[in-house]
Each structure stands twice: as C-alpha cells, then as structure tokens.
Amino acid sequence: MKIVPRIIVEWLEGRTIEQKRRLANLIAEAVVQVDPSLKKDDVEVVYRDISKSNIGRGGVLQVDRK
C-alpha cells in the first residue's frame, strides 16, 4: 500500500477558488520535487477555511481587526 501525503492548509476564509487551485498545484509540485517516487496525483491538499470570528491573535478576534 502506497502512503500518500495529505497537506492541510488552515487560513482565514476569503480566498478564491482560483487561488486554491494555484496553491494546490504548487504544493503538489513541491512535494514531487522532494520525493520523486510520488506523482502529483498522489498529493492531497485539504483547505480549512477559518471564519474570522473563530480565530484571534493577541487577544483580538480577526473579525475585530481593521
């Protein structure tokens, strides 16, 4: 059984589908460069879009930042 990488990207919501496509492609290409035994189709990229009301930094929710 081949073990394939799953890359999880957590970021604030708001990226376009095109940005996600581009990043998924870049990540897959980078993984294959590091491990040539893999194919781009082996690389999974999972996006977790986090609502600005569900993450804070420095004691301030992102939704409250300017």
PDB file of N, CA and C in Angstrom:
ATOM      1  N   MET A   1       0.842  -1.183   0.000  1.00  0.00           N
ATOM      2  CA  MET A   1       0.000   0.000   0.000  1.00  0.00           C
ATOM      3  C   MET A   1       0.890   1.250   0.000  1.00  0.00           C
ATOM      4  N   LYS A   2       0.615   2.148  -0.924  1.00  0.00           N
ATOM      5  CA  LYS A   2       1.375   3.381  -1.023  1.00  0.00           C
ATOM      6  C   LYS A   2       0.797   4.414  -0.056  1.00  0.00           C
ATOM      7  N   ILE A   3       1.667   4.989   0.751  1.00  0.00           N
ATOM      8  CA  ILE A   3       1.236   6.046   1.668  1.00  0.00           C
ATOM      9  C   ILE A   3       1.444   7.377   0.962  1.00  0.00           C
ATOM     10  N   VAL A   4       0.376   8.138   0.866  1.00  0.00           N
ATOM     11  CA  VAL A   4       0.446   9.414   0.155  1.00  0.00           C
ATOM     12  C   VAL A   4       0.325  10.563   1.150  1.00  0.00           C
ATOM     13  N   PRO A   5       0.937  11.690   0.823  1.00  0.00           N
ATOM     14  CA  PRO A   5       0.885  12.830   1.724  1.00  0.00           C
ATOM     15  C   PRO A   5      -0.441  13.577   1.634  1.00  0.00           C
ATOM     16  N   ARG A   6      -0.877  14.046   2.774  1.00  0.00           N
ATOM     17  CA  ARG A   6      -2.033  14.945   2.842  1.00  0.00           C
ATOM     18  C   ARG A   6      -1.537  16.226   3.502  1.00  0.00           C
ATOM     19  N   ILE A   7      -1.599  17.302   2.769  1.00  0.00           N
ATOM     20  CA  ILE A   7      -1.168  18.605   3.252  1.00  0.00           C
ATOM     21  C   ILE A   7      -2.420  19.379   3.656  1.00  0.00           C
ATOM     22  N   ILE A   8      -2.433  19.878   4.890  1.00  0.00           N
ATOM     23  CA  ILE A   8      -3.592  20.621   5.383  1.00  0.00           C
ATOM     24  C   ILE A   8      -3.213  22.091   5.483  1.00  0.00           C
ATOM     25  N   VAL A   9      -4.006  22.932   4.828  1.00  0.00           N
ATOM     26  CA  VAL A   9      -3.790  24.372   4.828  1.00  0.00           C
ATOM     27  C   VAL A   9      -4.922  25.004   5.631  1.00  0.00           C
ATOM     28  N   GLU A  10      -4.571  25.648   6.731  1.00  0.00           N
ATOM     29  CA  GLU A  10      -5.554  26.379   7.523  1.00  0.00           C
ATOM     30  C   GLU A  10      -5.276  27.860   7.344  1.00  0.00           C
ATOM     31  N   TRP A  11      -6.320  28.583   6.953  1.00  0.00           N
ATOM     32  CA  TRP A  11      -6.166  30.021   6.749  1.00  0.00           C
ATOM     33  C   TRP A  11      -7.514  30.689   6.874  1.00  0.00           C
ATOM     34  N   LEU A  12      -7.467  32.010   6.957  1.00  0.00           N
ATOM     35  CA  LEU A  12      -8.721  32.751   7.050  1.00  0.00           C
ATOM     36  C   LEU A  12      -9.498  32.628   5.753  1.00  0.00           C
ATOM     37  N   GLU A  13     -10.792  32.516   5.886  1.00  0.00           N
ATOM     38  CA  GLU A  13     -11.653  32.407   4.717  1.00  0.00           C
ATOM     39  C   GLU A  13     -11.506  33.636   3.825  1.00  0.00           C
ATOM     40  N   GLY A  14     -11.879  33.467   2.573  1.00  0.00           N
ATOM     41  CA  GLY A  14     -11.863  34.605   1.658  1.00  0.00           C
ATOM     42  C   GLY A  14     -11.025  34.399   0.413  1.00  0.00           C
ATOM     43  N   ARG A  15     -10.287  33.291   0.334  1.00  0.00           N
ATOM     44  CA  ARG A  15      -9.510  33.043  -0.881  1.00  0.00           C
ATOM     45  C   ARG A  15     -10.435  32.553  -1.987  1.00  0.00           C
ATOM     46  N   THR A  16     -10.070  32.872  -3.200  1.00  0.00           N
ATOM     47  CA  THR A  16     -10.880  32.451  -4.342  1.00  0.00           C
ATOM     48  C   THR A  16     -10.557  31.003  -4.701  1.00  0.00           C
ATOM     49  N   ILE A  17     -11.441  30.397  -5.471  1.00  0.00           N
ATOM     50  CA  ILE A  17     -11.209  29.037  -5.942  1.00  0.00           C
ATOM     51  C   ILE A  17      -9.953  28.986  -6.811  1.00  0.00           C
ATOM     52  N   GLU A  18      -9.702  30.039  -7.572  1.00  0.00           N
ATOM     53  CA  GLU A  18      -8.501  30.080  -8.404  1.00  0.00           C
ATOM     54  C   GLU A  18      -7.239  30.110  -7.542  1.00  0.00           C
ATOM     55  N   GLN A  19      -7.249  30.843  -6.448  1.00  0.00           N
ATOM     56  CA  GLN A  19      -6.099  30.860  -5.547  1.00  0.00           C
ATOM     57  C   GLN A  19      -5.872  29.475  -4.952  1.00  0.00           C
ATOM     58  N   LYS A  20      -6.948  28.788  -4.603  1.00  0.00           N
ATOM     59  CA  LYS A  20      -6.824  27.437  -4.053  1.00  0.00           C
ATOM     60  C   LYS A  20      -6.287  26.471  -5.104  1.00  0.00           C
ATOM     61  N   ARG A  21      -6.733  26.614  -6.327  1.00  0.00           N
ATOM     62  CA  ARG A  21      -6.215  25.763  -7.410  1.00  0.00           C
ATOM     63  C   ARG A  21      -4.719  25.959  -7.593  1.00  0.00           C
ATOM     64  N   ARG A  22      -4.304  27.229  -7.632  1.00  0.00           N
ATOM     65  CA  ARG A  22      -2.892  27.540  -7.840  1.00  0.00           C
ATOM     66  C   ARG A  22      -2.031  27.000  -6.705  1.00  0.00           C
ATOM     67  N   LEU A  23      -2.492  27.188  -5.470  1.00  0.00           N
ATOM     68  CA  LEU A  23      -1.719  26.711  -4.333  1.00  0.00           C
ATOM     69  C   LEU A  23      -1.649  25.184  -4.313  1.00  0.00           C
ATOM     70  N   ALA A  24      -2.757  24.520  -4.598  1.00  0.00           N
ATOM     71  CA  ALA A  24      -2.762  23.051  -4.634  1.00  0.00           C
ATOM     72  C   ALA A  24      -1.742  22.543  -5.651  1.00  0.00           C
ATOM     73  N   ASN A  25      -1.687  23.175  -6.796  1.00  0.00           N
ATOM     74  CA  ASN A  25      -0.733  22.783  -7.837  1.00  0.00           C
ATOM     75  C   ASN A  25       0.708  23.018  -7.381  1.00  0.00           C
ATOM     76  N   LEU A  26       0.975  24.174  -6.789  1.00  0.00           N
ATOM     77  CA  LEU A  26       2.332  24.479  -6.320  1.00  0.00           C
ATOM     78  C   LEU A  26       2.776  23.520  -5.221  1.00  0.00           C
ATOM     79  N   ILE A  27       1.862  23.206  -4.306  1.00  0.00           N
ATOM     80  CA  ILE A  27       2.196  22.269  -3.229  1.00  0.00           C
ATOM     81  C   ILE A  27       2.499  20.895  -3.808  1.00  0.00           C
ATOM     82  N   ALA A  28       1.654  20.425  -4.712  1.00  0.00           N
ATOM     83  CA  ALA A  28       1.869  19.107  -5.314  1.00  0.00           C
ATOM     84  C   ALA A  28       3.204  19.052  -6.050  1.00  0.00           C
ATOM     85  N   GLU A  29       3.523  20.090  -6.790  1.00  0.00           N
ATOM     86  CA  GLU A  29       4.803  20.130  -7.500  1.00  0.00           C
ATOM     87  C   GLU A  29       5.974  20.108  -6.528  1.00  0.00           C
ATOM     88  N   ALA A  30       5.871  20.835  -5.427  1.00  0.00           N
ATOM     89  CA  ALA A  30       6.955  20.875  -4.439  1.00  0.00           C
ATOM     90  C   ALA A  30       7.154  19.512  -3.786  1.00  0.00           C
ATOM     91  N   VAL A  31       6.067  18.844  -3.456  1.00  0.00           N
ATOM     92  CA  VAL A  31       6.174  17.524  -2.827  1.00  0.00           C
ATOM     93  C   VAL A  31       6.851  16.532  -3.768  1.00  0.00           C
ATOM     94  N   VAL A  32       6.489  16.576  -5.034  1.00  0.00           N
ATOM     95  CA  VAL A  32       7.083  15.664  -6.011  1.00  0.00           C
ATOM     96  C   VAL A  32       8.574  15.965  -6.204  1.00  0.00           C
ATOM     97  N   GLN A  33       8.963  17.226  -6.113  1.00  0.00           N
ATOM     98  CA  GLN A  33      10.382  17.567  -6.216  1.00  0.00           C
ATOM     99  C   GLN A  33      11.161  16.989  -5.044  1.00  0.00           C
ATOM    100  N   VAL A  34      10.552  16.985  -3.867  1.00  0.00           N
ATOM    101  CA  VAL A  34      11.212  16.455  -2.678  1.00  0.00           C
ATOM    102  C   VAL A  34      11.235  14.931  -2.691  1.00  0.00           C
ATOM    103  N   ASP A  35      10.146  14.321  -3.187  1.00  0.00           N
ATOM    104  CA  ASP A  35      10.047  12.856  -3.231  1.00  0.00           C
ATOM    105  C   ASP A  35       9.598  12.423  -4.624  1.00  0.00           C
ATOM    106  N   PRO A  36      10.549  12.221  -5.536  1.00  0.00           N
ATOM    107  CA  PRO A  36      10.226  11.874  -6.919  1.00  0.00           C
ATOM    108  C   PRO A  36       9.503  10.532  -7.081  1.00  0.00           C
ATOM    109  N   SER A  37       9.430   9.727  -6.030  1.00  0.00           N
ATOM    110  CA  SER A  37       8.692   8.469  -6.144  1.00  0.00           C
ATOM    111  C   SER A  37       7.182   8.710  -6.160  1.00  0.00           C
ATOM    112  N   LEU A  38       6.773   9.925  -5.810  1.00  0.00           N
ATOM    113  CA  LEU A  38       5.355  10.287  -5.822  1.00  0.00           C
ATOM    114  C   LEU A  38       4.983  10.962  -7.132  1.00  0.00           C
ATOM    115  N   LYS A  39       3.709  10.907  -7.438  1.00  0.00           N
ATOM    116  CA  LYS A  39       3.154  11.642  -8.577  1.00  0.00           C
ATOM    117  C   LYS A  39       2.296  12.774  -8.021  1.00  0.00           C
ATOM    118  N   LYS A  40       2.087  13.788  -8.852  1.00  0.00           N
ATOM    119  CA  LYS A  40       1.243  14.900  -8.399  1.00  0.00           C
ATOM    120  C   LYS A  40      -0.127  14.407  -7.947  1.00  0.00           C
ATOM    121  N   ASP A  41      -0.661  13.400  -8.624  1.00  0.00           N
ATOM    122  CA  ASP A  41      -1.978  12.869  -8.260  1.00  0.00           C
ATOM    123  C   ASP A  41      -1.986  12.191  -6.893  1.00  0.00           C
ATOM    124  N   ASP A  42      -0.816  11.887  -6.351  1.00  0.00           N
ATOM    125  CA  ASP A  42      -0.739  11.267  -5.032  1.00  0.00           C
ATOM    126  C   ASP A  42      -0.912  12.284  -3.902  1.00  0.00           C
ATOM    127  N   VAL A  43      -0.720  13.543  -4.194  1.00  0.00           N
ATOM    128  CA  VAL A  43      -0.685  14.576  -3.158  1.00  0.00           C
ATOM    129  C   VAL A  43      -2.084  15.149  -2.930  1.00  0.00           C
ATOM    130  N   GLU A  44      -2.554  15.033  -1.689  1.00  0.00           N
ATOM    131  CA  GLU A  44      -3.844  15.622  -1.316  1.00  0.00           C
ATOM    132  C   GLU A  44      -3.594  16.950  -0.615  1.00  0.00           C
ATOM    133  N   VAL A  45      -4.383  17.951  -0.957  1.00  0.00           N
ATOM    134  CA  VAL A  45      -4.347  19.233  -0.272  1.00  0.00           C
ATOM    135  C   VAL A  45      -5.749  19.483   0.268  1.00  0.00           C
ATOM    136  N   VAL A  46      -5.832  19.700   1.567  1.00  0.00           N
ATOM    137  CA  VAL A  46      -7.107  19.952   2.226  1.00  0.00           C
ATOM    138  C   VAL A  46      -7.092  21.386   2.747  1.00  0.00           C
ATOM    139  N   TYR A  47      -8.109  22.130   2.383  1.00  0.00           N
ATOM    140  CA  TYR A  47      -8.221  23.504   2.864  1.00  0.00           C
ATOM    141  C   TYR A  47      -9.213  23.567   4.009  1.00  0.00           C
ATOM    142  N   ARG A  48      -8.820  24.252   5.056  1.00  0.00           N
ATOM    143  CA  ARG A  48      -9.714  24.537   6.165  1.00  0.00           C
ATOM    144  C   ARG A  48      -9.821  26.052   6.248  1.00  0.00           C
ATOM    145  N   ASP A  49     -10.925  26.558   5.723  1.00  0.00           N
ATOM    146  CA  ASP A  49     -11.168  27.988   5.746  1.00  0.00           C
ATOM    147  C   ASP A  49     -11.776  28.351   7.099  1.00  0.00           C
ATOM    148  N   ILE A  50     -11.079  29.182   7.826  1.00  0.00           N
ATOM    149  CA  ILE A  50     -11.499  29.543   9.175  1.00  0.00           C
ATOM    150  C   ILE A  50     -12.187  30.906   9.144  1.00  0.00           C
ATOM    151  N   SER A  51     -13.353  30.962   9.733  1.00  0.00           N
ATOM    152  CA  SER A  51     -14.086  32.219   9.831  1.00  0.00           C
ATOM    153  C   SER A  51     -13.301  33.201  10.702  1.00  0.00           C
ATOM    154  N   LYS A  52     -13.327  34.473  10.323  1.00  0.00           N
ATOM    155  CA  LYS A  52     -12.626  35.495  11.093  1.00  0.00           C
ATOM    156  C   LYS A  52     -13.166  35.621  12.512  1.00  0.00           C
ATOM    157  N   SER A  53     -14.364  35.113  12.744  1.00  0.00           N
ATOM    158  CA  SER A  53     -14.915  35.152  14.101  1.00  0.00           C
ATOM    159  C   SER A  53     -14.460  33.958  14.932  1.00  0.00           C
ATOM    160  N   ASN A  54     -13.717  33.041  14.323  1.00  0.00           N
ATOM    161  CA  ASN A  54     -13.274  31.834  15.020  1.00  0.00           C
ATOM    162  C   ASN A  54     -11.781  31.770  15.257  1.00  0.00           C
ATOM    163  N   ILE A  55     -11.084  32.897  15.093  1.00  0.00           N
ATOM    164  CA  ILE A  55      -9.642  32.906  15.358  1.00  0.00           C
ATOM    165  C   ILE A  55      -9.254  34.290  15.872  1.00  0.00           C
ATOM    166  N   GLY A  56      -8.382  34.280  16.844  1.00  0.00           N
ATOM    167  CA  GLY A  56      -7.904  35.534  17.402  1.00  0.00           C
ATOM    168  C   GLY A  56      -6.397  35.534  17.491  1.00  0.00           C
ATOM    169  N   ARG A  57      -5.843  36.717  17.548  1.00  0.00           N
ATOM    170  CA  ARG A  57      -4.398  36.884  17.704  1.00  0.00           C
ATOM    171  C   ARG A  57      -4.170  38.064  18.629  1.00  0.00           C
ATOM    172  N   GLY A  58      -3.333  37.863  19.609  1.00  0.00           N
ATOM    173  CA  GLY A  58      -3.058  38.940  20.555  1.00  0.00           C
ATOM    174  C   GLY A  58      -4.274  39.341  21.359  1.00  0.00           C
ATOM    175  N   GLY A  59      -5.184  38.400  21.562  1.00  0.00           N
ATOM    176  CA  GLY A  59      -6.374  38.674  22.352  1.00  0.00           C
ATOM    177  C   GLY A  59      -7.493  39.351  21.591  1.00  0.00           C
ATOM    178  N   VAL A  60      -7.321  39.504  20.283  1.00  0.00           N
ATOM    179  CA  VAL A  60      -8.332  40.195  19.464  1.00  0.00           C
ATOM    180  C   VAL A  60      -8.781  39.262  18.345  1.00  0.00           C
ATOM    181  N   LEU A  61     -10.092  39.097  18.200  1.00  0.00           N
ATOM    182  CA  LEU A  61     -10.607  38.293  17.101  1.00  0.00           C
ATOM    183  C   LEU A  61     -10.261  38.954  15.768  1.00  0.00           C
ATOM    184  N   GLN A  62     -10.003  38.137  14.763  1.00  0.00           N
ATOM    185  CA  GLN A  62      -9.689  38.667  13.444  1.00  0.00           C
ATOM    186  C   GLN A  62     -10.816  39.527  12.889  1.00  0.00           C
ATOM    187  N   VAL A  63     -12.044  39.177  13.208  1.00  0.00           N
ATOM    188  CA  VAL A  63     -13.183  39.947  12.722  1.00  0.00           C
ATOM    189  C   VAL A  63     -13.158  41.380  13.267  1.00  0.00           C
ATOM    190  N   ASP A  64     -12.486  41.592  14.394  1.00  0.00           N
ATOM    191  CA  ASP A  64     -12.422  42.915  15.008  1.00  0.00           C
ATOM    192  C   ASP A  64     -11.202  43.711  14.570  1.00  0.00           C
ATOM    193  N   ARG A  65     -10.315  43.092  13.822  1.00  0.00           N
ATOM    194  CA  ARG A  65      -9.116  43.808  13.335  1.00  0.00           C
ATOM    195  C   ARG A  65      -9.456  44.603  12.085  1.00  0.00           C
ATOM    196  N   LYS A  66      -8.815  45.696  11.935  1.00  0.00           N
ATOM    197  CA  LYS A  66      -9.014  46.555  10.768  1.00  0.00           C
ATOM    198  C   LYS A  66      -8.130  46.113   9.637  1.00  0.00           C
TER     199      LYS A  66
END
